[in-house]
């Protein structure tokens, strides 16, 4: 009988110790996850310091540049560049050395030559008759325009040098014709790089864009 009671007592003690081990140490921290040497321990966001929902202040690059431009308040426009490729090269070379930078495209009108011609006649037959008169006077380099806004005009030459165009015109006048002279133009794009100068008074943009075919002019800051 005594042995049976002792056996039951031992069973009760084992159950009590197991329950204490399972539920008794509620404040125990979880085991940290092992990491490689030198790698900081990872934490959940909820474990971090501070309060949830507090925004972080981040400096915006454009704002920083804006303040720099306001402080310097001196800007230049460099150009003109003929191609987008040349413009990109200049922007890349200058960006790290100026307070702010942008590029823009403008349209420019350039001369494409000087045109000597006889004004349009009222019909194709009249234009061909005038062409025969030119041939009779020894003029062979002409062209009768057959379509478009200049139909029945007789082209007598396009010259890059205006002096050569005037000599051609005068020669035809001396032969008894009434040629006219007109400059022809075309619209082309050109590109400019605008920069806000840094605070350094020794800054020289030519160090970074060493081209003799472009120049700089003061402009309002952007």
N, C-alpha and C. Protein backbone atom coordinates (compact mmCIF):
# COMPACT_ATOMS: atom_id res chain seq x y z
N UNK A 1 0.84 -1.21 0.00
CA UNK A 1 0.00 0.00 0.00
C UNK A 1 0.86 1.25 0.00
N UNK A 2 1.92 1.22 0.80
CA UNK A 2 2.83 2.37 0.89
C UNK A 2 3.51 2.63 -0.45
N UNK A 3 3.92 1.55 -1.10
CA UNK A 3 4.60 1.70 -2.41
C UNK A 3 3.67 2.34 -3.42
N UNK A 4 2.38 1.97 -3.40
CA UNK A 4 1.41 2.53 -4.35
C UNK A 4 1.23 4.02 -4.12
N UNK A 5 1.19 4.45 -2.86
CA UNK A 5 1.04 5.89 -2.56
C UNK A 5 2.26 6.67 -3.02
N UNK A 6 3.45 6.09 -2.79
CA UNK A 6 4.68 6.77 -3.22
C UNK A 6 4.72 6.95 -4.73
N UNK A 7 4.24 5.93 -5.46
CA UNK A 7 4.22 6.01 -6.91
C UNK A 7 3.29 7.11 -7.39
N UNK A 8 2.11 7.24 -6.79
CA UNK A 8 1.16 8.29 -7.17
C UNK A 8 1.71 9.67 -6.85
N UNK A 9 2.45 9.77 -5.73
CA UNK A 9 3.03 11.07 -5.35
C UNK A 9 4.07 11.52 -6.36
N UNK A 10 4.89 10.57 -6.83
CA UNK A 10 5.91 10.92 -7.83
C UNK A 10 5.27 11.41 -9.14
N UNK A 11 4.17 10.73 -9.53
CA UNK A 11 3.47 11.15 -10.76
C UNK A 11 2.94 12.58 -10.61
N UNK A 12 2.35 12.92 -9.45
CA UNK A 12 1.82 14.26 -9.23
C UNK A 12 2.91 15.31 -9.26
N UNK A 13 4.09 14.98 -8.68
CA UNK A 13 5.21 15.93 -8.70
C UNK A 13 5.69 16.19 -10.14
N UNK A 14 5.77 15.14 -10.95
CA UNK A 14 6.21 15.31 -12.34
C UNK A 14 5.25 16.20 -13.13
N UNK A 15 3.94 16.01 -12.90
CA UNK A 15 2.95 16.85 -13.59
C UNK A 15 3.10 18.30 -13.18
N UNK A 16 3.31 18.55 -11.91
CA UNK A 16 3.45 19.93 -11.42
C UNK A 16 4.68 20.62 -11.98
N UNK A 17 5.81 19.91 -12.01
CA UNK A 17 7.05 20.50 -12.57
C UNK A 17 6.88 20.81 -14.05
N UNK A 18 6.22 19.91 -14.79
CA UNK A 18 6.00 20.16 -16.23
C UNK A 18 5.15 21.38 -16.47
N UNK A 19 4.09 21.54 -15.65
CA UNK A 19 3.23 22.72 -15.82
C UNK A 19 3.98 24.00 -15.51
N UNK A 20 4.83 23.98 -14.50
CA UNK A 20 5.60 25.19 -14.15
C UNK A 20 6.58 25.57 -15.25
N UNK A 21 7.24 24.54 -15.83
CA UNK A 21 8.19 24.82 -16.92
C UNK A 21 7.50 25.39 -18.16
N UNK A 22 6.25 24.93 -18.40
CA UNK A 22 5.54 25.37 -19.61
C UNK A 22 4.96 26.75 -19.47
N UNK A 23 4.46 27.11 -18.29
CA UNK A 23 3.70 28.36 -18.16
C UNK A 23 4.26 29.33 -17.14
N UNK A 24 5.24 28.92 -16.43
CA UNK A 24 5.67 29.76 -15.32
C UNK A 24 6.51 30.95 -15.70
N UNK A 25 7.38 30.93 -16.79
CA UNK A 25 8.31 32.03 -17.14
C UNK A 25 7.74 32.84 -18.28
N UNK A 26 6.68 33.66 -18.01
CA UNK A 26 6.02 34.44 -19.06
C UNK A 26 6.85 35.57 -19.59
N UNK A 27 7.88 36.02 -18.89
CA UNK A 27 8.66 37.17 -19.35
C UNK A 27 9.86 36.82 -20.17
N UNK A 28 9.99 35.58 -20.53
CA UNK A 28 11.16 35.16 -21.28
C UNK A 28 11.15 35.76 -22.68
N UNK A 29 12.32 36.35 -23.16
CA UNK A 29 12.45 36.94 -24.49
C UNK A 29 12.74 35.85 -25.50
N UNK A 30 12.28 36.02 -26.74
CA UNK A 30 12.58 35.01 -27.76
C UNK A 30 14.06 34.97 -28.08
N UNK A 31 14.51 33.82 -28.47
CA UNK A 31 15.92 33.63 -28.80
C UNK A 31 16.25 34.41 -30.07
N UNK A 32 17.28 35.25 -30.07
CA UNK A 32 17.65 35.97 -31.29
C UNK A 32 18.13 35.01 -32.36
N UNK A 33 17.86 35.40 -33.61
CA UNK A 33 18.28 34.57 -34.74
C UNK A 33 19.75 34.78 -34.98
N UNK A 34 20.47 33.70 -35.16
CA UNK A 34 21.91 33.81 -35.38
C UNK A 34 22.18 34.51 -36.70
N UNK A 35 23.24 35.31 -36.75
CA UNK A 35 23.62 36.02 -37.97
C UNK A 35 25.11 35.89 -38.18
N UNK A 36 25.55 36.18 -39.43
CA UNK A 36 26.98 36.14 -39.71
C UNK A 36 27.69 37.25 -38.97
N UNK A 37 28.96 37.07 -38.64
CA UNK A 37 29.71 38.13 -37.95
C UNK A 37 29.70 39.42 -38.75
N UNK A 38 29.47 40.55 -38.09
CA UNK A 38 29.47 41.85 -38.74
C UNK A 38 28.16 42.25 -39.33
N UNK A 39 27.16 41.37 -39.37
CA UNK A 39 25.85 41.69 -39.92
C UNK A 39 24.94 42.11 -38.79
N UNK A 40 24.38 43.33 -38.79
CA UNK A 40 23.55 43.79 -37.67
C UNK A 40 22.29 42.97 -37.55
N UNK A 41 21.81 42.87 -36.30
CA UNK A 41 20.58 42.13 -36.03
C UNK A 41 19.39 42.85 -36.64
N UNK A 42 18.48 42.11 -37.26
CA UNK A 42 17.28 42.68 -37.85
C UNK A 42 16.21 42.86 -36.80
N UNK A 43 15.45 43.93 -36.90
CA UNK A 43 14.36 44.22 -35.97
C UNK A 43 13.10 44.51 -36.76
N UNK A 44 11.98 44.11 -36.26
CA UNK A 44 10.71 44.52 -36.85
C UNK A 44 10.51 46.00 -36.66
N UNK A 45 9.70 46.60 -37.52
CA UNK A 45 9.42 48.02 -37.38
C UNK A 45 8.80 48.33 -36.04
N UNK A 46 7.99 47.41 -35.52
CA UNK A 46 7.33 47.65 -34.23
C UNK A 46 8.29 47.65 -33.08
N UNK A 47 9.51 47.11 -33.27
CA UNK A 47 10.50 47.08 -32.21
C UNK A 47 11.35 48.32 -32.18
N UNK A 48 11.24 49.17 -33.21
CA UNK A 48 12.10 50.34 -33.30
C UNK A 48 11.72 51.40 -32.31
N UNK A 49 12.62 52.35 -32.11
CA UNK A 49 12.36 53.47 -31.21
C UNK A 49 11.42 54.46 -31.87
N UNK A 50 10.83 55.33 -31.07
CA UNK A 50 9.94 56.34 -31.61
C UNK A 50 8.54 55.81 -31.69
N UNK A 51 7.66 56.64 -32.30
CA UNK A 51 6.25 56.31 -32.35
C UNK A 51 5.83 56.02 -33.78
N UNK A 52 4.94 55.07 -33.90
CA UNK A 52 4.43 54.73 -35.23
C UNK A 52 3.68 55.91 -35.82
N UNK A 53 3.82 56.10 -37.15
CA UNK A 53 3.08 57.15 -37.82
C UNK A 53 3.79 58.48 -37.86
N UNK A 54 4.98 58.62 -37.25
CA UNK A 54 5.72 59.88 -37.29
C UNK A 54 6.50 59.92 -38.59
N UNK A 55 6.26 60.91 -39.50
CA UNK A 55 6.94 60.93 -40.79
C UNK A 55 8.40 61.28 -40.65
N UNK A 56 9.22 60.78 -41.57
CA UNK A 56 10.64 61.10 -41.61
C UNK A 56 10.85 62.29 -42.55
N UNK A 57 11.67 63.22 -42.14
CA UNK A 57 11.96 64.40 -42.96
C UNK A 57 13.06 64.03 -43.94
N UNK A 58 12.78 64.15 -45.24
CA UNK A 58 13.73 63.80 -46.29
C UNK A 58 14.02 65.04 -47.11
N UNK A 59 15.29 65.35 -47.30
CA UNK A 59 15.67 66.50 -48.10
C UNK A 59 15.49 66.17 -49.57
N UNK A 60 14.76 67.00 -50.29
CA UNK A 60 14.50 66.79 -51.72
C UNK A 60 15.58 67.50 -52.52
N UNK A 61 16.27 66.79 -53.44
CA UNK A 61 17.36 67.42 -54.20
C UNK A 61 16.94 68.69 -54.91
N UNK A 62 15.76 68.70 -55.50
CA UNK A 62 15.34 69.88 -56.25
C UNK A 62 15.17 71.09 -55.34
N UNK A 63 14.71 70.86 -54.10
CA UNK A 63 14.58 71.96 -53.15
C UNK A 63 15.94 72.51 -52.78
N UNK A 64 16.90 71.60 -52.57
CA UNK A 64 18.25 72.06 -52.22
C UNK A 64 18.82 72.90 -53.35
N UNK A 65 18.62 72.46 -54.57
CA UNK A 65 19.12 73.23 -55.71
C UNK A 65 18.39 74.56 -55.83
N UNK A 66 17.12 74.55 -55.53
CA UNK A 66 16.34 75.78 -55.60
C UNK A 66 16.90 76.83 -54.66
N UNK A 67 17.24 76.43 -53.43
CA UNK A 67 17.82 77.37 -52.47
C UNK A 67 19.17 77.88 -52.97
N UNK A 68 19.95 76.96 -53.59
CA UNK A 68 21.26 77.38 -54.10
C UNK A 68 21.11 78.41 -55.20
N UNK A 69 20.13 78.21 -56.08
CA UNK A 69 19.90 79.17 -57.16
C UNK A 69 19.49 80.52 -56.60
N UNK A 70 18.62 80.52 -55.61
CA UNK A 70 18.17 81.77 -55.03
C UNK A 70 19.33 82.51 -54.38
N UNK A 71 20.24 81.75 -53.77
CA UNK A 71 21.38 82.39 -53.11
C UNK A 71 22.32 82.99 -54.14
N UNK A 72 22.60 82.26 -55.25
CA UNK A 72 23.52 82.76 -56.25
C UNK A 72 22.89 83.78 -57.17
N UNK A 73 21.70 83.48 -57.65
CA UNK A 73 20.90 84.35 -58.51
C UNK A 73 21.65 84.86 -59.74
N UNK A 74 22.58 84.05 -60.26
CA UNK A 74 23.29 84.39 -61.49
C UNK A 74 23.22 83.18 -62.40
N UNK A 75 22.70 83.40 -63.60
CA UNK A 75 22.50 82.29 -64.53
C UNK A 75 23.03 82.66 -65.91
N UNK A 76 23.47 81.64 -66.64
CA UNK A 76 23.97 81.81 -67.99
C UNK A 76 23.28 80.83 -68.92
N UNK A 77 23.22 81.20 -70.19
CA UNK A 77 22.75 80.30 -71.23
C UNK A 77 23.91 80.06 -72.19
N UNK A 78 24.26 78.79 -72.38
CA UNK A 78 25.42 78.42 -73.19
C UNK A 78 24.93 77.78 -74.49
N UNK A 79 25.49 78.24 -75.62
CA UNK A 79 25.08 77.68 -76.90
C UNK A 79 25.42 78.62 -78.04
N UNK A 80 24.81 78.43 -79.19
CA UNK A 80 23.88 77.34 -79.48
C UNK A 80 24.60 76.06 -79.88
N UNK A 81 24.00 74.92 -79.55
CA UNK A 81 24.48 73.62 -79.99
C UNK A 81 23.61 73.17 -81.17
N UNK A 82 24.26 72.54 -82.14
CA UNK A 82 23.54 72.15 -83.36
C UNK A 82 22.75 70.86 -83.20
N UNK A 83 23.20 69.98 -82.32
CA UNK A 83 22.57 68.67 -82.21
C UNK A 83 22.21 68.35 -80.76
N UNK A 84 21.27 67.43 -80.59
CA UNK A 84 20.91 66.97 -79.25
C UNK A 84 22.07 66.23 -78.60
N UNK A 85 22.86 65.53 -79.39
CA UNK A 85 23.99 64.79 -78.84
C UNK A 85 25.00 65.74 -78.21
N UNK A 86 25.33 66.83 -78.91
CA UNK A 86 26.26 67.82 -78.35
C UNK A 86 25.68 68.44 -77.08
N UNK A 87 24.38 68.66 -77.08
CA UNK A 87 23.72 69.25 -75.91
C UNK A 87 23.81 68.32 -74.71
N UNK A 88 23.55 67.03 -74.92
CA UNK A 88 23.64 66.07 -73.82
C UNK A 88 25.05 65.98 -73.27
N UNK A 89 26.04 66.03 -74.15
CA UNK A 89 27.43 65.99 -73.69
C UNK A 89 27.73 67.18 -72.77
N UNK A 90 27.26 68.35 -73.15
CA UNK A 90 27.49 69.54 -72.33
C UNK A 90 26.78 69.43 -70.98
N UNK A 91 25.55 68.93 -71.00
CA UNK A 91 24.80 68.77 -69.74
C UNK A 91 25.52 67.81 -68.81
N UNK A 92 26.00 66.69 -69.35
CA UNK A 92 26.72 65.72 -68.52
C UNK A 92 27.99 66.33 -67.93
N UNK A 93 28.68 67.13 -68.72
CA UNK A 93 29.94 67.71 -68.25
C UNK A 93 29.73 68.76 -67.17
N UNK A 94 28.61 69.47 -67.21
CA UNK A 94 28.39 70.59 -66.30
C UNK A 94 27.60 70.25 -65.05
N UNK A 95 26.79 69.20 -65.11
CA UNK A 95 25.80 68.96 -64.05
C UNK A 95 26.40 68.93 -62.65
N UNK A 96 27.53 68.28 -62.48
CA UNK A 96 28.11 68.13 -61.14
C UNK A 96 28.75 69.42 -60.62
N UNK A 97 28.84 70.44 -61.45
CA UNK A 97 29.60 71.63 -61.07
C UNK A 97 28.76 72.90 -60.95
N UNK A 98 27.47 72.80 -61.20
CA UNK A 98 26.60 73.98 -61.16
C UNK A 98 25.47 73.77 -60.16
N UNK A 99 24.82 74.88 -59.77
CA UNK A 99 23.73 74.79 -58.80
C UNK A 99 22.48 74.19 -59.41
N UNK A 100 22.23 74.46 -60.68
CA UNK A 100 21.08 73.88 -61.37
C UNK A 100 21.34 73.96 -62.86
N UNK A 101 20.63 73.14 -63.62
CA UNK A 101 20.89 73.07 -65.06
C UNK A 101 19.63 72.62 -65.79
N UNK A 102 19.45 73.11 -66.99
CA UNK A 102 18.37 72.66 -67.86
C UNK A 102 18.80 72.91 -69.30
N UNK A 103 18.14 72.26 -70.24
CA UNK A 103 18.41 72.58 -71.64
C UNK A 103 17.09 72.81 -72.35
N UNK A 104 17.15 73.55 -73.44
CA UNK A 104 15.94 73.91 -74.16
C UNK A 104 16.24 74.00 -75.66
N UNK A 105 15.18 73.90 -76.43
CA UNK A 105 15.29 73.98 -77.89
C UNK A 105 14.61 75.24 -78.38
N UNK A 106 15.25 75.90 -79.33
CA UNK A 106 14.67 77.06 -79.98
C UNK A 106 14.70 76.84 -81.49
N UNK A 107 13.89 77.61 -82.19
CA UNK A 107 13.89 77.57 -83.65
C UNK A 107 14.61 78.81 -84.18
N UNK A 108 15.48 78.59 -85.13
CA UNK A 108 16.21 79.70 -85.71
C UNK A 108 16.08 79.67 -87.23
N UNK A 109 16.08 80.83 -87.83
CA UNK A 109 15.98 80.94 -89.28
C UNK A 109 17.36 81.19 -89.86
N UNK A 110 17.77 80.35 -90.79
CA UNK A 110 19.08 80.47 -91.41
C UNK A 110 18.94 80.59 -92.92
N UNK A 111 19.89 81.28 -93.51
CA UNK A 111 19.89 81.42 -94.97
C UNK A 111 20.30 80.10 -95.61
N UNK A 112 19.55 79.70 -96.63
CA UNK A 112 19.91 78.48 -97.37
C UNK A 112 20.39 78.81 -98.78
N UNK A 113 20.56 80.10 -99.08
CA UNK A 113 21.10 80.49 -100.38
C UNK A 113 20.32 81.65 -100.99
N UNK A 114 20.82 82.09 -102.15
CA UNK A 114 20.21 83.21 -102.87
C UNK A 114 19.73 82.69 -104.22
N UNK A 115 18.49 82.98 -104.51
CA UNK A 115 17.83 82.41 -105.69
C UNK A 115 17.64 83.48 -106.76
N UNK A 116 18.10 83.19 -107.97
CA UNK A 116 17.87 84.05 -109.13
C UNK A 116 16.81 83.36 -110.00
N UNK A 117 15.77 84.12 -110.38
CA UNK A 117 14.66 83.48 -111.10
C UNK A 117 13.88 84.53 -111.89
N UNK A 118 13.14 84.04 -112.88
CA UNK A 118 12.15 84.86 -113.58
C UNK A 118 10.80 84.56 -112.95
N UNK A 119 10.02 85.59 -112.59
CA UNK A 119 8.73 85.39 -111.92
C UNK A 119 7.81 84.49 -112.74
N UNK A 120 6.85 83.85 -112.07
CA UNK A 120 5.96 82.91 -112.77
C UNK A 120 5.17 83.59 -113.89
N UNK A 121 5.11 82.91 -115.02
CA UNK A 121 4.33 83.38 -116.15
C UNK A 121 2.90 82.82 -116.05
N UNK A 122 2.00 83.34 -116.84
CA UNK A 122 0.58 83.02 -116.67
C UNK A 122 0.21 81.62 -117.15
N UNK A 123 1.05 81.00 -117.97
CA UNK A 123 0.74 79.66 -118.47
C UNK A 123 2.03 78.90 -118.75
N UNK A 124 1.89 77.60 -118.90
CA UNK A 124 3.06 76.78 -119.20
C UNK A 124 3.60 77.10 -120.59
N UNK A 125 2.72 77.39 -121.52
CA UNK A 125 3.18 77.72 -122.87
C UNK A 125 4.05 78.97 -122.85
N UNK A 126 3.65 79.98 -122.06
CA UNK A 126 4.46 81.20 -121.97
C UNK A 126 5.80 80.91 -121.29
N UNK A 127 5.78 80.02 -120.29
CA UNK A 127 7.03 79.67 -119.61
C UNK A 127 7.98 78.97 -120.58
N UNK A 128 7.45 78.07 -121.38
CA UNK A 128 8.30 77.36 -122.35
C UNK A 128 8.81 78.31 -123.43
N UNK A 129 7.99 79.29 -123.81
CA UNK A 129 8.43 80.28 -124.80
C UNK A 129 9.57 81.11 -124.25
N UNK A 130 9.50 81.48 -122.95
CA UNK A 130 10.57 82.24 -122.31
C UNK A 130 11.84 81.39 -122.22
N UNK A 131 11.67 80.10 -121.97
CA UNK A 131 12.83 79.21 -121.91
C UNK A 131 13.53 79.15 -123.26
N UNK A 132 12.78 79.18 -124.34
CA UNK A 132 13.40 79.17 -125.67
C UNK A 132 14.16 80.46 -125.91
N UNK A 133 13.67 81.58 -125.41
CA UNK A 133 14.39 82.86 -125.55
C UNK A 133 15.71 82.81 -124.78
N UNK A 134 15.68 82.20 -123.61
CA UNK A 134 16.93 82.06 -122.83
C UNK A 134 17.95 81.23 -123.61
N UNK A 135 17.48 80.14 -124.19
CA UNK A 135 18.39 79.28 -124.96
C UNK A 135 18.96 80.03 -126.16
N UNK A 136 18.13 80.85 -126.78
CA UNK A 136 18.59 81.62 -127.94
C UNK A 136 19.67 82.62 -127.56
N UNK A 137 19.68 83.07 -126.30
CA UNK A 137 20.69 84.02 -125.82
C UNK A 137 21.91 83.31 -125.23
N UNK A 138 21.92 81.99 -125.33
CA UNK A 138 23.07 81.24 -124.83
C UNK A 138 22.97 80.83 -123.37
N UNK A 139 21.79 80.99 -122.79
CA UNK A 139 21.60 80.60 -121.38
C UNK A 139 21.07 79.16 -121.36
N UNK A 140 21.85 78.27 -120.78
CA UNK A 140 21.45 76.86 -120.77
C UNK A 140 21.10 76.34 -119.38
N UNK A 141 21.61 76.96 -118.34
CA UNK A 141 21.37 76.46 -116.98
C UNK A 141 20.15 77.15 -116.38
N UNK A 142 19.00 76.63 -116.70
CA UNK A 142 17.74 77.13 -116.15
C UNK A 142 16.82 75.94 -115.95
N UNK A 143 15.72 76.16 -115.24
CA UNK A 143 14.77 75.08 -114.98
C UNK A 143 13.37 75.68 -114.88
N UNK A 144 12.43 75.11 -115.63
CA UNK A 144 11.04 75.55 -115.59
C UNK A 144 10.31 74.76 -114.50
N UNK A 145 9.80 75.47 -113.50
CA UNK A 145 9.07 74.82 -112.40
C UNK A 145 7.71 74.39 -112.91
N UNK A 146 7.38 73.12 -112.73
CA UNK A 146 6.15 72.57 -113.33
C UNK A 146 5.02 72.33 -112.34
N UNK A 147 5.26 72.54 -111.04
CA UNK A 147 4.20 72.27 -110.05
C UNK A 147 4.45 73.09 -108.80
N UNK A 148 3.42 73.18 -107.97
CA UNK A 148 3.55 73.86 -106.68
C UNK A 148 3.26 75.34 -106.77
N UNK A 149 3.60 76.03 -105.68
CA UNK A 149 3.33 77.46 -105.59
C UNK A 149 4.11 78.27 -106.61
N UNK A 150 5.23 77.74 -107.06
CA UNK A 150 6.08 78.46 -108.01
C UNK A 150 5.93 77.93 -109.43
N UNK A 151 4.82 77.34 -109.74
CA UNK A 151 4.61 76.77 -111.07
C UNK A 151 4.78 77.85 -112.15
N UNK A 152 5.47 77.48 -113.24
CA UNK A 152 5.76 78.36 -114.40
C UNK A 152 6.79 79.43 -114.08
N UNK A 153 7.45 79.31 -112.91
CA UNK A 153 8.62 80.15 -112.62
C UNK A 153 9.82 79.52 -113.33
N UNK A 154 10.76 80.36 -113.75
CA UNK A 154 11.98 79.83 -114.36
C UNK A 154 13.14 80.10 -113.40
N UNK A 155 13.69 79.02 -112.86
CA UNK A 155 14.80 79.13 -111.93
C UNK A 155 16.10 79.27 -112.71
N UNK A 156 16.90 80.24 -112.30
CA UNK A 156 18.15 80.54 -113.00
C UNK A 156 19.39 80.30 -112.14
N UNK A 157 19.19 79.71 -110.97
CA UNK A 157 20.35 79.36 -110.14
C UNK A 157 20.14 79.68 -108.68
N UNK A 158 20.71 78.84 -107.82
CA UNK A 158 20.71 79.04 -106.37
C UNK A 158 22.16 79.13 -105.92
N UNK A 159 22.51 80.21 -105.21
CA UNK A 159 23.90 80.49 -104.86
C UNK A 159 24.04 80.68 -103.34
N UNK A 160 25.12 80.13 -102.80
CA UNK A 160 25.41 80.36 -101.38
C UNK A 160 26.01 81.75 -101.15
N UNK A 161 26.77 82.21 -102.13
CA UNK A 161 27.40 83.53 -102.03
C UNK A 161 26.49 84.57 -102.68
N UNK A 162 26.03 85.57 -101.95
CA UNK A 162 25.15 86.57 -102.55
C UNK A 162 25.81 87.36 -103.67
N UNK A 163 27.12 87.53 -103.62
CA UNK A 163 27.81 88.26 -104.69
C UNK A 163 27.72 87.49 -106.01
N UNK A 164 27.87 86.17 -105.93
CA UNK A 164 27.73 85.36 -107.15
C UNK A 164 26.30 85.44 -107.69
N UNK A 165 25.34 85.49 -106.81
CA UNK A 165 23.94 85.60 -107.23
C UNK A 165 23.70 86.93 -107.93
N UNK A 166 24.28 87.99 -107.41
CA UNK A 166 24.08 89.31 -108.02
C UNK A 166 24.74 89.39 -109.40
N UNK A 167 25.90 88.74 -109.53
CA UNK A 167 26.56 88.74 -110.84
C UNK A 167 25.72 87.98 -111.86
N UNK A 168 25.14 86.88 -111.42
CA UNK A 168 24.27 86.12 -112.31
C UNK A 168 23.06 86.96 -112.72
N UNK A 169 22.48 87.64 -111.77
CA UNK A 169 21.32 88.49 -112.06
C UNK A 169 21.69 89.59 -113.06
N UNK A 170 22.83 90.22 -112.84
CA UNK A 170 23.23 91.31 -113.72
C UNK A 170 23.51 90.82 -115.14
N UNK A 171 24.10 89.65 -115.27
CA UNK A 171 24.38 89.10 -116.59
C UNK A 171 23.09 88.90 -117.37
N UNK A 172 22.05 88.41 -116.72
CA UNK A 172 20.76 88.19 -117.38
C UNK A 172 20.05 89.50 -117.70
N UNK A 173 20.25 90.49 -116.84
CA UNK A 173 19.69 91.82 -117.13
C UNK A 173 20.34 92.37 -118.41
N UNK A 174 21.65 92.18 -118.51
CA UNK A 174 22.37 92.66 -119.69
C UNK A 174 21.89 91.96 -120.97
N UNK A 175 21.35 90.76 -120.83
CA UNK A 175 20.82 90.02 -121.99
C UNK A 175 19.39 90.41 -122.31
N UNK A 176 18.80 91.30 -121.51
CA UNK A 176 17.46 91.78 -121.80
C UNK A 176 16.36 91.13 -120.98
N UNK A 177 16.71 90.35 -119.98
CA UNK A 177 15.69 89.72 -119.13
C UNK A 177 15.51 90.50 -117.83
N UNK A 178 14.50 90.13 -117.06
CA UNK A 178 14.21 90.82 -115.81
C UNK A 178 14.18 89.83 -114.63
N UNK A 179 15.34 89.28 -114.32
CA UNK A 179 15.38 88.31 -113.22
C UNK A 179 15.26 88.99 -111.87
N UNK A 180 14.76 88.24 -110.91
CA UNK A 180 14.67 88.72 -109.53
C UNK A 180 15.60 87.91 -108.65
N UNK A 181 15.94 88.51 -107.50
CA UNK A 181 16.87 87.88 -106.56
C UNK A 181 16.18 87.79 -105.20
N UNK A 182 16.24 86.62 -104.60
CA UNK A 182 15.57 86.43 -103.32
C UNK A 182 16.41 85.52 -102.43
N UNK A 183 16.53 85.91 -101.17
CA UNK A 183 17.21 85.04 -100.21
C UNK A 183 16.24 83.95 -99.75
N UNK A 184 16.70 82.72 -99.78
CA UNK A 184 15.89 81.60 -99.31
C UNK A 184 16.34 81.22 -97.89
N UNK A 185 15.39 80.94 -97.05
CA UNK A 185 15.70 80.62 -95.65
C UNK A 185 15.05 79.29 -95.27
N UNK A 186 15.55 78.73 -94.19
CA UNK A 186 14.97 77.52 -93.62
C UNK A 186 15.00 77.62 -92.10
N UNK A 187 14.04 76.99 -91.47
CA UNK A 187 13.95 77.00 -90.01
C UNK A 187 14.58 75.73 -89.45
N UNK A 188 15.54 75.92 -88.55
CA UNK A 188 16.27 74.80 -87.98
C UNK A 188 16.23 74.88 -86.45
N UNK A 189 16.33 73.73 -85.77
CA UNK A 189 16.40 73.77 -84.31
C UNK A 189 17.82 74.08 -83.84
N UNK A 190 17.90 74.77 -82.72
CA UNK A 190 19.17 74.95 -82.04
C UNK A 190 18.93 74.76 -80.54
N UNK A 191 19.98 74.38 -79.82
CA UNK A 191 19.82 73.98 -78.43
C UNK A 191 20.71 74.83 -77.52
N UNK A 192 20.17 75.12 -76.34
CA UNK A 192 20.87 75.93 -75.34
C UNK A 192 20.87 75.21 -74.00
N UNK A 193 21.96 75.36 -73.26
CA UNK A 193 22.07 74.81 -71.91
C UNK A 193 22.08 75.98 -70.93
N UNK A 194 21.10 76.03 -70.05
CA UNK A 194 21.00 77.08 -69.04
C UNK A 194 21.56 76.56 -67.72
N UNK A 195 22.42 77.35 -67.09
CA UNK A 195 23.01 76.93 -65.82
C UNK A 195 22.85 78.02 -64.78
N UNK A 196 22.68 77.60 -63.52
CA UNK A 196 22.75 78.51 -62.38
C UNK A 196 24.16 78.40 -61.82
N UNK A 197 24.87 79.52 -61.78
CA UNK A 197 26.27 79.50 -61.40
C UNK A 197 26.44 79.10 -59.94
N UNK A 198 27.49 78.35 -59.63
CA UNK A 198 27.77 78.01 -58.24
C UNK A 198 28.34 79.21 -57.50
N UNK A 199 28.54 79.05 -56.19
CA UNK A 199 29.05 80.15 -55.37
C UNK A 199 30.51 80.46 -55.66
N UNK A 200 31.24 79.50 -56.19
CA UNK A 200 32.67 79.67 -56.45
C UNK A 200 32.88 80.75 -57.51
N UNK A 201 33.53 81.87 -57.16
CA UNK A 201 33.73 82.95 -58.14
C UNK A 201 34.71 82.57 -59.26
N UNK A 202 35.48 81.52 -59.07
CA UNK A 202 36.46 81.10 -60.07
C UNK A 202 35.87 80.12 -61.08
N UNK A 203 34.61 79.77 -60.92
CA UNK A 203 33.99 78.81 -61.85
C UNK A 203 34.02 79.34 -63.28
N UNK A 204 34.46 78.48 -64.20
CA UNK A 204 34.51 78.83 -65.63
C UNK A 204 33.91 77.66 -66.41
N UNK A 205 32.79 77.89 -67.03
CA UNK A 205 32.11 76.80 -67.75
C UNK A 205 32.94 76.26 -68.90
N UNK A 206 33.87 77.07 -69.43
CA UNK A 206 34.69 76.65 -70.57
C UNK A 206 35.62 75.49 -70.21
N UNK A 207 35.92 75.34 -68.94
CA UNK A 207 36.74 74.21 -68.51
C UNK A 207 36.04 72.89 -68.82
N UNK A 208 34.72 72.87 -68.72
CA UNK A 208 33.95 71.65 -68.89
C UNK A 208 33.35 71.53 -70.30
N UNK A 209 33.21 72.65 -70.98
CA UNK A 209 32.71 72.64 -72.37
C UNK A 209 33.69 73.45 -73.21
N UNK A 210 34.85 72.88 -73.55
CA UNK A 210 35.89 73.62 -74.26
C UNK A 210 35.63 73.68 -75.77
N UNK A 211 34.62 74.44 -76.15
CA UNK A 211 34.25 74.55 -77.57
C UNK A 211 34.29 76.01 -77.99
N UNK A 212 34.95 76.25 -79.13
CA UNK A 212 35.06 77.62 -79.61
C UNK A 212 33.80 78.09 -80.34
N UNK A 213 32.91 77.16 -80.71
CA UNK A 213 31.74 77.53 -81.50
C UNK A 213 30.51 77.84 -80.66
N UNK A 214 30.64 77.86 -79.34
CA UNK A 214 29.52 78.24 -78.47
C UNK A 214 29.97 79.36 -77.54
N UNK A 215 29.01 80.10 -77.04
CA UNK A 215 29.30 81.21 -76.13
C UNK A 215 28.25 81.21 -75.03
N UNK A 216 28.39 82.14 -74.10
CA UNK A 216 27.44 82.23 -72.98
C UNK A 216 26.91 83.65 -72.88
N UNK A 217 25.64 83.75 -72.47
CA UNK A 217 25.03 85.06 -72.26
C UNK A 217 24.20 85.01 -70.98
N UNK A 218 24.13 86.13 -70.25
CA UNK A 218 23.34 86.15 -69.02
C UNK A 218 21.85 85.98 -69.33
N UNK A 219 21.16 85.23 -68.48
CA UNK A 219 19.71 85.05 -68.61
C UNK A 219 19.09 85.09 -67.22
N UNK A 220 17.78 85.26 -67.19
CA UNK A 220 17.06 85.19 -65.92
C UNK A 220 17.12 83.77 -65.38
N UNK A 221 17.26 83.65 -64.08
CA UNK A 221 17.34 82.32 -63.48
C UNK A 221 15.99 81.61 -63.57
N UNK A 222 16.04 80.31 -63.62
CA UNK A 222 14.85 79.51 -63.88
C UNK A 222 14.43 78.74 -62.63
